PDB file of N, CA and C in Angstrom:
ATOM      1  N   MET A   1       6.971   1.397 -19.681  1.00  0.00           N
ATOM      2  CA  MET A   1       6.368   1.971 -18.484  1.00  0.00           C
ATOM      3  C   MET A   1       4.985   1.348 -18.274  1.00  0.00           C
ATOM      4  N   SER A   2       4.577   1.224 -17.044  1.00  0.00           N
ATOM      5  CA  SER A   2       3.265   0.668 -16.719  1.00  0.00           C
ATOM      6  C   SER A   2       2.182   1.602 -17.202  1.00  0.00           C
ATOM      7  N   GLU A   3       1.028   1.033 -17.442  1.00  0.00           N
ATOM      8  CA  GLU A   3      -0.057   1.911 -17.847  1.00  0.00           C
ATOM      9  C   GLU A   3      -1.339   1.519 -17.142  1.00  0.00           C
ATOM     10  N   GLU A   4      -2.193   2.506 -16.981  1.00  0.00           N
ATOM     11  CA  GLU A   4      -3.454   2.336 -16.283  1.00  0.00           C
ATOM     12  C   GLU A   4      -4.514   1.954 -17.306  1.00  0.00           C
ATOM     13  N   LYS A   5      -5.431   1.060 -16.911  1.00  0.00           N
ATOM     14  CA  LYS A   5      -6.505   0.642 -17.799  1.00  0.00           C
ATOM     15  C   LYS A   5      -7.832   0.808 -17.066  1.00  0.00           C
ATOM     16  N   GLU A   6      -8.871   1.106 -17.813  1.00  0.00           N
ATOM     17  CA  GLU A   6     -10.220   1.138 -17.239  1.00  0.00           C
ATOM     18  C   GLU A   6     -10.844  -0.236 -17.458  1.00  0.00           C
ATOM     19  N   CYS A   7     -11.494  -0.750 -16.453  1.00  0.00           N
ATOM     20  CA  CYS A   7     -12.152  -2.041 -16.567  1.00  0.00           C
ATOM     21  C   CYS A   7     -13.498  -1.918 -15.861  1.00  0.00           C
ATOM     22  N   CYS A   8     -14.567  -2.046 -16.589  1.00  0.00           N
ATOM     23  CA  CYS A   8     -15.906  -1.926 -16.003  1.00  0.00           C
ATOM     24  C   CYS A   8     -16.029  -0.594 -15.265  1.00  0.00           C
ATOM     25  N   CYS A   9     -16.212  -0.648 -13.946  1.00  0.00           N
ATOM     26  CA  CYS A   9     -16.432   0.587 -13.192  1.00  0.00           C
ATOM     27  C   CYS A   9     -15.282   0.914 -12.247  1.00  0.00           C
ATOM     28  N   HIS A  10     -14.155   0.226 -12.372  1.00  0.00           N
ATOM     29  CA  HIS A  10     -13.001   0.543 -11.526  1.00  0.00           C
ATOM     30  C   HIS A  10     -11.729   0.533 -12.362  1.00  0.00           C
ATOM     31  N   LYS A  11     -10.736   1.229 -11.856  1.00  0.00           N
ATOM     32  CA  LYS A  11      -9.469   1.317 -12.570  1.00  0.00           C
ATOM     33  C   LYS A  11      -8.559   0.165 -12.161  1.00  0.00           C
ATOM     34  N   THR A  12      -7.696  -0.216 -13.059  1.00  0.00           N
ATOM     35  CA  THR A  12      -6.650  -1.178 -12.750  1.00  0.00           C
ATOM     36  C   THR A  12      -5.331  -0.602 -13.231  1.00  0.00           C
ATOM     37  N   LYS A  13      -4.238  -1.220 -12.825  1.00  0.00           N
ATOM     38  CA  LYS A  13      -2.930  -0.740 -13.245  1.00  0.00           C
ATOM     39  C   LYS A  13      -2.020  -1.922 -13.506  1.00  0.00           C
ATOM     40  N   GLU A  14      -1.377  -1.921 -14.649  1.00  0.00           N
ATOM     41  CA  GLU A  14      -0.353  -2.921 -14.918  1.00  0.00           C
ATOM     42  C   GLU A  14       0.941  -2.431 -14.295  1.00  0.00           C
ATOM     43  N   ARG A  15       1.539  -3.256 -13.441  1.00  0.00           N
ATOM     44  CA  ARG A  15       2.773  -2.890 -12.757  1.00  0.00           C
ATOM     45  C   ARG A  15       3.955  -3.605 -13.402  1.00  0.00           C
ATOM     46  N   SER A  16       5.122  -2.965 -13.315  1.00  0.00           N
ATOM     47  CA  SER A  16       6.332  -3.634 -13.785  1.00  0.00           C
ATOM     48  C   SER A  16       6.554  -4.866 -12.918  1.00  0.00           C
ATOM     49  N   GLN A  17       7.312  -5.808 -13.421  1.00  0.00           N
ATOM     50  CA  GLN A  17       7.602  -7.025 -12.656  1.00  0.00           C
ATOM     51  C   GLN A  17       8.311  -6.684 -11.353  1.00  0.00           C
ATOM     52  N   LYS A  18       9.222  -5.714 -11.399  1.00  0.00           N
ATOM     53  CA  LYS A  18       9.963  -5.300 -10.200  1.00  0.00           C
ATOM     54  C   LYS A  18       9.020  -4.703  -9.151  1.00  0.00           C
ATOM     55  N   GLU A  19       8.149  -3.795  -9.580  1.00  0.00           N
ATOM     56  CA  GLU A  19       7.200  -3.178  -8.644  1.00  0.00           C
ATOM     57  C   GLU A  19       6.275  -4.238  -8.051  1.00  0.00           C
ATOM     58  N   TYR A  20       5.764  -5.110  -8.907  1.00  0.00           N
ATOM     59  CA  TYR A  20       4.855  -6.177  -8.467  1.00  0.00           C
ATOM     60  C   TYR A  20       5.532  -7.054  -7.409  1.00  0.00           C
ATOM     61  N   LYS A  21       6.760  -7.522  -7.697  1.00  0.00           N
ATOM     62  CA  LYS A  21       7.467  -8.403  -6.767  1.00  0.00           C
ATOM     63  C   LYS A  21       7.738  -7.695  -5.440  1.00  0.00           C
ATOM     64  N   ASP A  22       8.126  -6.425  -5.500  1.00  0.00           N
ATOM     65  CA  ASP A  22       8.397  -5.675  -4.279  1.00  0.00           C
ATOM     66  C   ASP A  22       7.143  -5.568  -3.413  1.00  0.00           C
ATOM     67  N   LEU A  23       6.027  -5.207  -4.025  1.00  0.00           N
ATOM     68  CA  LEU A  23       4.785  -5.058  -3.257  1.00  0.00           C
ATOM     69  C   LEU A  23       4.332  -6.393  -2.669  1.00  0.00           C
ATOM     70  N   ILE A  24       4.380  -7.449  -3.476  1.00  0.00           N
ATOM     71  CA  ILE A  24       3.957  -8.770  -2.999  1.00  0.00           C
ATOM     72  C   ILE A  24       4.876  -9.251  -1.867  1.00  0.00           C
ATOM     73  N   ASN A  25       6.188  -9.043  -2.001  1.00  0.00           N
ATOM     74  CA  ASN A  25       7.121  -9.444  -0.932  1.00  0.00           C
ATOM     75  C   ASN A  25       6.823  -8.696   0.357  1.00  0.00           C
ATOM     76  N   ARG A  26       6.568  -7.396   0.249  1.00  0.00           N
ATOM     77  CA  ARG A  26       6.234  -6.613   1.447  1.00  0.00           C
ATOM     78  C   ARG A  26       4.963  -7.150   2.106  1.00  0.00           C
ATOM     79  N   LEU A  27       3.943  -7.420   1.290  1.00  0.00           N
ATOM     80  CA  LEU A  27       2.684  -7.927   1.842  1.00  0.00           C
ATOM     81  C   LEU A  27       2.852  -9.315   2.453  1.00  0.00           C
ATOM     82  N   SER A  28       3.679 -10.138   1.855  1.00  0.00           N
ATOM     83  CA  SER A  28       3.923 -11.476   2.407  1.00  0.00           C
ATOM     84  C   SER A  28       4.598 -11.384   3.771  1.00  0.00           C
ATOM     85  N   ARG A  29       5.559 -10.457   3.910  1.00  0.00           N
ATOM     86  CA  ARG A  29       6.210 -10.270   5.213  1.00  0.00           C
ATOM     87  C   ARG A  29       5.199  -9.781   6.251  1.00  0.00           C
ATOM     88  N   ILE A  30       4.350  -8.842   5.845  1.00  0.00           N
ATOM     89  CA  ILE A  30       3.333  -8.319   6.762  1.00  0.00           C
ATOM     90  C   ILE A  30       2.369  -9.433   7.160  1.00  0.00           C
ATOM     91  N   GLU A  31       1.969 -10.239   6.201  1.00  0.00           N
ATOM     92  CA  GLU A  31       1.075 -11.361   6.480  1.00  0.00           C
ATOM     93  C   GLU A  31       1.708 -12.311   7.504  1.00  0.00           C
ATOM     94  N   GLY A  32       2.997 -12.577   7.333  1.00  0.00           N
ATOM     95  CA  GLY A  32       3.706 -13.429   8.289  1.00  0.00           C
ATOM     96  C   GLY A  32       3.758 -12.815   9.673  1.00  0.00           C
ATOM     97  N   GLN A  33       3.970 -11.502   9.722  1.00  0.00           N
ATOM     98  CA  GLN A  33       3.991 -10.813  11.019  1.00  0.00           C
ATOM     99  C   GLN A  33       2.635 -10.922  11.710  1.00  0.00           C
ATOM    100  N   VAL A  34       1.554 -10.761  10.948  1.00  0.00           N
ATOM    101  CA  VAL A  34       0.208 -10.846  11.532  1.00  0.00           C
ATOM    102  C   VAL A  34      -0.065 -12.268  12.030  1.00  0.00           C
ATOM    103  N   ARG A  35       0.361 -13.271  11.263  1.00  0.00           N
ATOM    104  CA  ARG A  35       0.207 -14.659  11.730  1.00  0.00           C
ATOM    105  C   ARG A  35       1.003 -14.872  13.021  1.00  0.00           C
ATOM    106  N   GLY A  36       2.189 -14.250  13.100  1.00  0.00           N
ATOM    107  CA  GLY A  36       2.990 -14.349  14.314  1.00  0.00           C
ATOM    108  C   GLY A  36       2.282 -13.747  15.512  1.00  0.00           C
ATOM    109  N   ILE A  37       1.615 -12.620  15.298  1.00  0.00           N
ATOM    110  CA  ILE A  37       0.859 -11.985  16.381  1.00  0.00           C
ATOM    111  C   ILE A  37      -0.281 -12.895  16.829  1.00  0.00           C
ATOM    112  N   LYS A  38      -0.955 -13.488  15.867  1.00  0.00           N
ATOM    113  CA  LYS A  38      -2.041 -14.416  16.212  1.00  0.00           C
ATOM    114  C   LYS A  38      -1.494 -15.561  17.070  1.00  0.00           C
ATOM    115  N   GLY A  39      -0.340 -16.086  16.682  1.00  0.00           N
ATOM    116  CA  GLY A  39       0.285 -17.158  17.454  1.00  0.00           C
ATOM    117  C   GLY A  39       0.638 -16.701  18.863  1.00  0.00           C
ATOM    118  N   MET A  40       1.099 -15.469  18.980  1.00  0.00           N
ATOM    119  CA  MET A  40       1.424 -14.936  20.306  1.00  0.00           C
ATOM    120  C   MET A  40       0.182 -14.881  21.190  1.00  0.00           C
ATOM    121  N   VAL A  41      -0.934 -14.445  20.619  1.00  0.00           N
ATOM    122  CA  VAL A  41      -2.191 -14.387  21.395  1.00  0.00           C
ATOM    123  C   VAL A  41      -2.606 -15.797  21.792  1.00  0.00           C
ATOM    124  N   GLU A  42      -2.510 -16.729  20.837  1.00  0.00           N
ATOM    125  CA  GLU A  42      -2.894 -18.124  21.121  1.00  0.00           C
ATOM    126  C   GLU A  42      -2.020 -18.738  22.216  1.00  0.00           C
ATOM    127  N   LYS A  43      -0.760 -18.269  22.330  1.00  0.00           N
ATOM    128  CA  LYS A  43       0.166 -18.805  23.335  1.00  0.00           C
ATOM    129  C   LYS A  43       0.207 -17.945  24.595  1.00  0.00           C
ATOM    130  N   ASP A  44      -0.771 -17.046  24.712  1.00  0.00           N
ATOM    131  CA  ASP A  44      -0.879 -16.189  25.896  1.00  0.00           C
ATOM    132  C   ASP A  44       0.384 -15.362  26.153  1.00  0.00           C
ATOM    133  N   ALA A  45       0.958 -14.816  25.090  1.00  0.00           N
ATOM    134  CA  ALA A  45       2.146 -13.971  25.239  1.00  0.00           C
ATOM    135  C   ALA A  45       1.794 -12.716  26.026  1.00  0.00           C
ATOM    136  N   TYR A  46       2.811 -12.109  26.594  1.00  0.00           N
ATOM    137  CA  TYR A  46       2.656 -10.905  27.402  1.00  0.00           C
ATOM    138  C   TYR A  46       2.166  -9.758  26.505  1.00  0.00           C
ATOM    139  N   CYS A  47       1.238  -8.967  27.019  1.00  0.00           N
ATOM    140  CA  CYS A  47       0.585  -7.897  26.257  1.00  0.00           C
ATOM    141  C   CYS A  47       1.585  -6.948  25.594  1.00  0.00           C
ATOM    142  N   THR A  48       2.584  -6.514  26.353  1.00  0.00           N
ATOM    143  CA  THR A  48       3.551  -5.563  25.812  1.00  0.00           C
ATOM    144  C   THR A  48       4.298  -6.149  24.618  1.00  0.00           C
ATOM    145  N   ASP A  49       4.617  -7.431  24.669  1.00  0.00           N
ATOM    146  CA  ASP A  49       5.299  -8.081  23.553  1.00  0.00           C
ATOM    147  C   ASP A  49       4.412  -8.085  22.303  1.00  0.00           C
ATOM    148  N   ILE A  50       3.144  -8.352  22.505  1.00  0.00           N
ATOM    149  CA  ILE A  50       2.195  -8.337  21.378  1.00  0.00           C
ATOM    150  C   ILE A  50       2.075  -6.922  20.827  1.00  0.00           C
ATOM    151  N   LEU A  51       1.938  -5.943  21.710  1.00  0.00           N
ATOM    152  CA  LEU A  51       1.810  -4.551  21.269  1.00  0.00           C
ATOM    153  C   LEU A  51       3.014  -4.106  20.443  1.00  0.00           C
ATOM    154  N   MET A  52       4.203  -4.543  20.805  1.00  0.00           N
ATOM    155  CA  MET A  52       5.411  -4.182  20.049  1.00  0.00           C
ATOM    156  C   MET A  52       5.365  -4.794  18.645  1.00  0.00           C
ATOM    157  N   GLN A  53       4.858  -6.005  18.546  1.00  0.00           N
ATOM    158  CA  GLN A  53       4.735  -6.643  17.230  1.00  0.00           C
ATOM    159  C   GLN A  53       3.661  -5.956  16.389  1.00  0.00           C
ATOM    160  N   VAL A  54       2.579  -5.520  17.017  1.00  0.00           N
ATOM    161  CA  VAL A  54       1.533  -4.778  16.303  1.00  0.00           C
ATOM    162  C   VAL A  54       2.108  -3.462  15.785  1.00  0.00           C
ATOM    163  N   ALA A  55       2.925  -2.799  16.591  1.00  0.00           N
ATOM    164  CA  ALA A  55       3.560  -1.555  16.150  1.00  0.00           C
ATOM    165  C   ALA A  55       4.459  -1.810  14.939  1.00  0.00           C
ATOM    166  N   ALA A  56       5.151  -2.941  14.934  1.00  0.00           N
ATOM    167  CA  ALA A  56       6.005  -3.295  13.797  1.00  0.00           C
ATOM    168  C   ALA A  56       5.174  -3.516  12.537  1.00  0.00           C
ATOM    169  N   VAL A  57       4.013  -4.140  12.680  1.00  0.00           N
ATOM    170  CA  VAL A  57       3.119  -4.350  11.527  1.00  0.00           C
ATOM    171  C   VAL A  57       2.601  -3.006  11.021  1.00  0.00           C
ATOM    172  N   ASN A  58       2.229  -2.131  11.936  1.00  0.00           N
ATOM    173  CA  ASN A  58       1.768  -0.793  11.525  1.00  0.00           C
ATOM    174  C   ASN A  58       2.859  -0.062  10.749  1.00  0.00           C
ATOM    175  N   ALA A  59       4.085  -0.146  11.216  1.00  0.00           N
ATOM    176  CA  ALA A  59       5.204   0.508  10.529  1.00  0.00           C
ATOM    177  C   ALA A  59       5.405  -0.102   9.144  1.00  0.00           C
ATOM    178  N   ALA A  60       5.288  -1.411   9.043  1.00  0.00           N
ATOM    179  CA  ALA A  60       5.440  -2.089   7.747  1.00  0.00           C
ATOM    180  C   ALA A  60       4.325  -1.688   6.786  1.00  0.00           C
ATOM    181  N   LEU A  61       3.103  -1.569   7.275  1.00  0.00           N
ATOM    182  CA  LEU A  61       1.990  -1.127   6.427  1.00  0.00           C
ATOM    183  C   LEU A  61       2.183   0.314   5.981  1.00  0.00           C
ATOM    184  N   ASN A  62       2.669   1.169   6.882  1.00  0.00           N
ATOM    185  CA  ASN A  62       2.943   2.560   6.500  1.00  0.00           C
ATOM    186  C   ASN A  62       4.016   2.624   5.424  1.00  0.00           C
ATOM    187  N   SER A  63       5.030   1.793   5.550  1.00  0.00           N
ATOM    188  CA  SER A  63       6.090   1.739   4.544  1.00  0.00           C
ATOM    189  C   SER A  63       5.530   1.257   3.208  1.00  0.00           C
ATOM    190  N   PHE A  64       4.680   0.246   3.246  1.00  0.00           N
ATOM    191  CA  PHE A  64       4.019  -0.249   2.033  1.00  0.00           C
ATOM    192  C   PHE A  64       3.236   0.880   1.368  1.00  0.00           C
ATOM    193  N   ASN A  65       2.475   1.620   2.163  1.00  0.00           N
ATOM    194  CA  ASN A  65       1.694   2.738   1.622  1.00  0.00           C
ATOM    195  C   ASN A  65       2.587   3.793   0.976  1.00  0.00           C
ATOM    196  N   ARG A  66       3.706   4.117   1.613  1.00  0.00           N
ATOM    197  CA  ARG A  66       4.616   5.121   1.046  1.00  0.00           C
ATOM    198  C   ARG A  66       5.155   4.673  -0.311  1.00  0.00           C
ATOM    199  N   VAL A  67       5.570   3.415  -0.405  1.00  0.00           N
ATOM    200  CA  VAL A  67       6.102   2.894  -1.668  1.00  0.00           C
ATOM    201  C   VAL A  67       5.012   2.908  -2.741  1.00  0.00           C
ATOM    202  N   LEU A  68       3.820   2.445  -2.383  1.00  0.00           N
ATOM    203  CA  LEU A  68       2.719   2.403  -3.348  1.00  0.00           C
ATOM    204  C   LEU A  68       2.329   3.811  -3.794  1.00  0.00           C
ATOM    205  N   LEU A  69       2.274   4.745  -2.853  1.00  0.00           N
ATOM    206  CA  LEU A  69       1.926   6.123  -3.180  1.00  0.00           C
ATOM    207  C   LEU A  69       2.984   6.753  -4.088  1.00  0.00           C
ATOM    208  N   GLU A  70       4.239   6.522  -3.774  1.00  0.00           N
ATOM    209  CA  GLU A  70       5.317   7.051  -4.608  1.00  0.00           C
ATOM    210  C   GLU A  70       5.203   6.528  -6.042  1.00  0.00           C
ATOM    211  N   ASN A  71       4.992   5.223  -6.177  1.00  0.00           N
ATOM    212  CA  ASN A  71       4.829   4.636  -7.510  1.00  0.00           C
ATOM    213  C   ASN A  71       3.612   5.222  -8.222  1.00  0.00           C
ATOM    214  N   HIS A  72       2.532   5.416  -7.486  1.00  0.00           N
ATOM    215  CA  HIS A  72       1.302   5.966  -8.066  1.00  0.00           C
ATOM    216  C   HIS A  72       1.540   7.378  -8.603  1.00  0.00           C
ATOM    217  N   ILE A  73       2.209   8.202  -7.807  1.00  0.00           N
ATOM    218  CA  ILE A  73       2.468   9.580  -8.239  1.00  0.00           C
ATOM    219  C   ILE A  73       3.393   9.596  -9.449  1.00  0.00           C
ATOM    220  N   LYS A  74       4.437   8.769  -9.425  1.00  0.00           N
ATOM    221  CA  LYS A  74       5.410   8.761 -10.522  1.00  0.00           C
ATOM    222  C   LYS A  74       4.841   8.202 -11.830  1.00  0.00           C
ATOM    223  N   THR A  75       3.803   7.373 -11.741  1.00  0.00           N
ATOM    224  CA  THR A  75       3.259   6.761 -12.961  1.00  0.00           C
ATOM    225  C   THR A  75       1.872   7.321 -13.286  1.00  0.00           C
ATOM    226  N   CYS A  76       0.878   6.867 -12.595  1.00  0.00           N
ATOM    227  CA  CYS A  76      -0.521   7.201 -12.910  1.00  0.00           C
ATOM    228  C   CYS A  76      -0.796   8.706 -12.866  1.00  0.00           C
ATOM    229  N   VAL A  77      -0.412   9.341 -11.763  1.00  0.00           N
ATOM    230  CA  VAL A  77      -0.724  10.762 -11.589  1.00  0.00           C
ATOM    231  C   VAL A  77       0.012  11.599 -12.632  1.00  0.00           C
ATOM    232  N   THR A  78       1.302  11.340 -12.783  1.00  0.00           N
ATOM    233  CA  THR A  78       2.103  12.093 -13.762  1.00  0.00           C
ATOM    234  C   THR A  78       1.535  11.935 -15.166  1.00  0.00           C
ATOM    235  N   LYS A  79       1.213  10.711 -15.543  1.00  0.00           N
ATOM    236  CA  LYS A  79       0.654  10.431 -16.876  1.00  0.00           C
ATOM    237  C   LYS A  79      -0.660  11.187 -17.077  1.00  0.00           C
ATOM    238  N   ASP A  80      -1.547  11.115 -16.096  1.00  0.00           N
ATOM    239  CA  ASP A  80      -2.844  11.778 -16.221  1.00  0.00           C
ATOM    240  C   ASP A  80      -2.701  13.296 -16.306  1.00  0.00           C
ATOM    241  N   ILE A  81      -1.803  13.870 -15.530  1.00  0.00           N
ATOM    242  CA  ILE A  81      -1.602  15.324 -15.591  1.00  0.00           C
ATOM    243  C   ILE A  81      -1.095  15.723 -16.970  1.00  0.00           C
ATOM    244  N   LYS A  82      -0.143  14.959 -17.501  1.00  0.00           N
ATOM    245  CA  LYS A  82       0.367  15.248 -18.846  1.00  0.00           C
ATOM    246  C   LYS A  82      -0.735  15.155 -19.895  1.00  0.00           C
ATOM    247  N   GLU A  83      -1.722  14.292 -19.654  1.00  0.00           N
ATOM    248  CA  GLU A  83      -2.841  14.119 -20.587  1.00  0.00           C
ATOM    249  C   GLU A  83      -3.982  15.098 -20.304  1.00  0.00           C
ATOM    250  N   GLY A  84      -3.800  15.991 -19.324  1.00  0.00           N
ATOM    251  CA  GLY A  84      -4.801  16.997 -19.021  1.00  0.00           C
ATOM    252  C   GLY A  84      -5.930  16.519 -18.121  1.00  0.00           C
ATOM    253  N   LYS A  85      -5.789  15.359 -17.498  1.00  0.00           N
ATOM    254  CA  LYS A  85      -6.825  14.814 -16.616  1.00  0.00           C
ATOM    255  C   LYS A  85      -6.607  15.355 -15.206  1.00  0.00           C
ATOM    256  N   GLU A  86      -7.003  16.602 -15.003  1.00  0.00           N
ATOM    257  CA  GLU A  86      -6.742  17.261 -13.722  1.00  0.00           C
ATOM    258  C   GLU A  86      -7.567  16.687 -12.575  1.00  0.00           C
ATOM    259  N   GLU A  87      -8.613  15.927 -12.860  1.00  0.00           N
ATOM    260  CA  GLU A  87      -9.404  15.302 -11.800  1.00  0.00           C
ATOM    261  C   GLU A  87      -8.568  14.297 -11.004  1.00  0.00           C
ATOM    262  N   THR A  88      -7.478  13.836 -11.601  1.00  0.00           N
ATOM    263  CA  THR A  88      -6.590  12.916 -10.899  1.00  0.00           C
ATOM    264  C   THR A  88      -5.955  13.587  -9.693  1.00  0.00           C
ATOM    265  N   VAL A  89      -5.685  14.871  -9.780  1.00  0.00           N
ATOM    266  CA  VAL A  89      -5.124  15.605  -8.644  1.00  0.00           C
ATOM    267  C   VAL A  89      -6.135  15.620  -7.501  1.00  0.00           C
ATOM    268  N   ASP A  90      -7.416  15.852  -7.815  1.00  0.00           N
ATOM    269  CA  ASP A  90      -8.453  15.821  -6.779  1.00  0.00           C
ATOM    270  C   ASP A  90      -8.546  14.429  -6.150  1.00  0.00           C
ATOM    271  N   GLU A  91      -8.442  13.402  -6.978  1.00  0.00           N
ATOM    272  CA  GLU A  91      -8.469  12.024  -6.472  1.00  0.00           C
ATOM    273  C   GLU A  91      -7.285  11.773  -5.539  1.00  0.00           C
ATOM    274  N   LEU A  92      -6.098  12.250  -5.925  1.00  0.00           N
ATOM    275  CA  LEU A  92      -4.911  12.098  -5.095  1.00  0.00           C
ATOM    276  C   LEU A  92      -5.080  12.822  -3.758  1.00  0.00           C
ATOM    277  N   LEU A  93      -5.590  14.041  -3.800  1.00  0.00           N
ATOM    278  CA  LEU A  93      -5.807  14.801  -2.567  1.00  0.00           C
ATOM    279  C   LEU A  93      -6.803  14.104  -1.643  1.00  0.00           C
ATOM    280  N   ALA A  94      -7.865  13.556  -2.203  1.00  0.00           N
ATOM    281  CA  ALA A  94      -8.850  12.821  -1.396  1.00  0.00           C
ATOM    282  C   ALA A  94      -8.211  11.584  -0.768  1.00  0.00           C
ATOM    283  N   THR A  95      -7.380  10.907  -1.531  1.00  0.00           N
ATOM    284  CA  THR A  95      -6.686   9.723  -1.017  1.00  0.00           C
ATOM    285  C   THR A  95      -5.745  10.104   0.123  1.00  0.00           C
ATOM    286  N   LEU A  96      -4.990  11.193  -0.052  1.00  0.00           N
ATOM    287  CA  LEU A  96      -4.073  11.654   0.995  1.00  0.00           C
ATOM    288  C   LEU A  96      -4.835  12.023   2.270  1.00  0.00           C
ATOM    289  N   GLN A  97      -5.993  12.663   2.111  1.00  0.00           N
ATOM    290  CA  GLN A  97      -6.795  13.016   3.292  1.00  0.00           C
ATOM    291  C   GLN A  97      -7.220  11.767   4.054  1.00  0.00           C
ATOM    292  N   LYS A  98      -7.601  10.712   3.324  1.00  0.00           N
ATOM    293  CA  LYS A  98      -8.001   9.463   3.979  1.00  0.00           C
ATOM    294  C   LYS A  98      -6.816   8.794   4.662  1.00  0.00           C
ATOM    295  N   LEU A  99      -5.651   8.857   4.018  1.00  0.00           N
ATOM    296  CA  LEU A  99      -4.462   8.224   4.612  1.00  0.00           C
ATOM    297  C   LEU A  99      -3.989   8.943   5.864  1.00  0.00           C
ATOM    298  N   MET A 100      -4.285  10.231   5.968  1.00  0.00           N
ATOM    299  CA  MET A 100      -3.788  11.012   7.092  1.00  0.00           C
ATOM    300  C   MET A 100      -4.748  11.074   8.270  1.00  0.00           C
ATOM    301  N   LYS A 101      -5.812  10.324   8.244  1.00  0.00           N
ATOM    302  CA  LYS A 101      -6.761  10.321   9.356  1.00  0.00           C
ATOM    303  C   LYS A 101      -6.153   9.673  10.572  1.00  0.00           C
TER     304      LYS A 101
END
């Protein structure tokens, strides 16, 4: 199982190869979509077409966040709660509040 490490003043997390590849693949697709939008603007594409592509990128980012959050809860949060680190719950709640703005 992956484990969280402290490094200097910020936390890091070792991810399984599967989790790492999934996240990187998702980000690569999103990066390609954003480059596509830039190309559309450069080619004077119709506004509505660009807006639809931006909506697709937003949906992809939301999906990325859901996967990352699920992995975080199943690994880091669960581990910390079992170890009695209840401040992790406060950190999770603060993160959720920021995501829901």
